[in-house]
Amino acid sequence: MGLFSYLLVNFYSQRVYTVKAAIKTFVFARISDLFMFGAFILTLLFFHTTDLTAVFIQMPFKVSYYVLVLG
């Protein structure tokens, strides 16, 4: 997605401003992809599933358990 965002922003012009904006778009897309992948891994490690139904069912039990342990 980052490459396509870069190409889309930089398609019509070769000015320095648009090139900088295209690079900024690419970098932010890569950073957001990294955070999304991290959230996926944390969900997998914490809930042992990627099924959102199972995650939402387990959420109240996990939250109350960790609040009591850490609180």
Protein backbone atom coordinates (compact mmCIF):
# COMPACT_ATOMS: atom_id res chain seq x y z
CA MET A 1 0.00 0.00 0.00
CA GLY A 2 2.85 2.37 0.74
CA LEU A 3 4.28 2.07 -2.75
CA PHE A 4 0.91 2.76 -4.37
CA SER A 5 0.38 5.76 -2.08
CA TYR A 6 3.80 7.07 -3.10
CA LEU A 7 3.02 6.64 -6.78
CA LEU A 8 -0.44 8.18 -6.44
CA VAL A 9 0.85 11.32 -4.71
CA ASN A 10 3.83 11.69 -7.04
CA PHE A 11 2.06 10.83 -10.32
CA TYR A 12 1.11 14.24 -11.69
CA SER A 13 4.08 16.35 -10.75
CA GLN A 14 7.82 16.21 -10.32
CA ARG A 15 8.10 19.28 -8.11
CA VAL A 16 10.15 19.03 -4.93
CA TYR A 17 7.09 19.62 -2.74
CA THR A 18 5.16 16.72 -4.24
CA VAL A 19 8.18 14.41 -4.07
CA LYS A 20 8.59 15.22 -0.38
CA ALA A 21 4.87 14.68 0.21
CA ALA A 22 5.06 11.33 -1.60
CA ILE A 23 8.00 10.18 0.52
CA LYS A 24 6.20 11.31 3.68
CA THR A 25 3.11 9.35 2.61
CA PHE A 26 5.24 6.25 1.98
CA VAL A 27 6.94 6.49 5.39
CA PHE A 28 3.69 6.98 7.28
CA ALA A 29 2.12 4.06 5.43
CA ARG A 30 5.06 1.84 6.44
CA ILE A 31 4.81 2.97 10.07
CA SER A 32 1.06 2.33 10.18
CA ASP A 33 1.61 -1.13 8.61
CA LEU A 34 4.16 -1.88 11.33
CA PHE A 35 1.73 -0.89 14.10
CA MET A 36 -1.07 -2.89 12.51
CA PHE A 37 1.17 -5.96 12.32
CA GLY A 38 2.18 -5.42 15.96
CA ALA A 39 -1.47 -5.24 17.02
CA PHE A 40 -2.14 -8.47 15.13
CA ILE A 41 0.76 -10.23 16.87
CA LEU A 42 -0.30 -8.94 20.30
CA THR A 43 -3.86 -10.12 19.69
CA LEU A 44 -2.56 -13.52 18.68
CA LEU A 45 -0.29 -13.79 21.73
CA PHE A 46 -2.80 -12.43 24.23
CA PHE A 47 -5.97 -14.19 23.06
CA HIS A 48 -4.45 -17.15 21.14
CA THR A 49 -6.81 -16.51 18.22
CA THR A 50 -7.53 -14.00 15.49
CA ASP A 51 -11.27 -14.65 15.45
CA LEU A 52 -12.84 -11.36 16.52
CA THR A 53 -15.88 -13.06 18.01
CA ALA A 54 -13.67 -15.06 20.35
CA VAL A 55 -11.60 -11.98 21.16
CA PHE A 56 -14.70 -9.94 22.11
CA ILE A 57 -16.02 -12.79 24.24
CA GLN A 58 -12.69 -13.17 26.08
CA MET A 59 -12.14 -9.43 26.54
CA PRO A 60 -14.07 -8.88 29.83
CA PHE A 61 -12.40 -11.88 31.46
CA LYS A 62 -8.89 -10.88 30.41
CA VAL A 63 -9.35 -7.25 31.42
CA SER A 64 -10.77 -8.04 34.86
CA TYR A 65 -8.08 -10.67 35.51
CA TYR A 66 -5.17 -8.40 34.65
CA VAL A 67 -6.65 -5.41 36.50
CA LEU A 68 -6.99 -7.48 39.66
CA VAL A 69 -3.49 -8.94 39.34
CA LEU A 70 -1.77 -5.67 38.57
CA GLY A 71 -3.99 -3.40 40.69
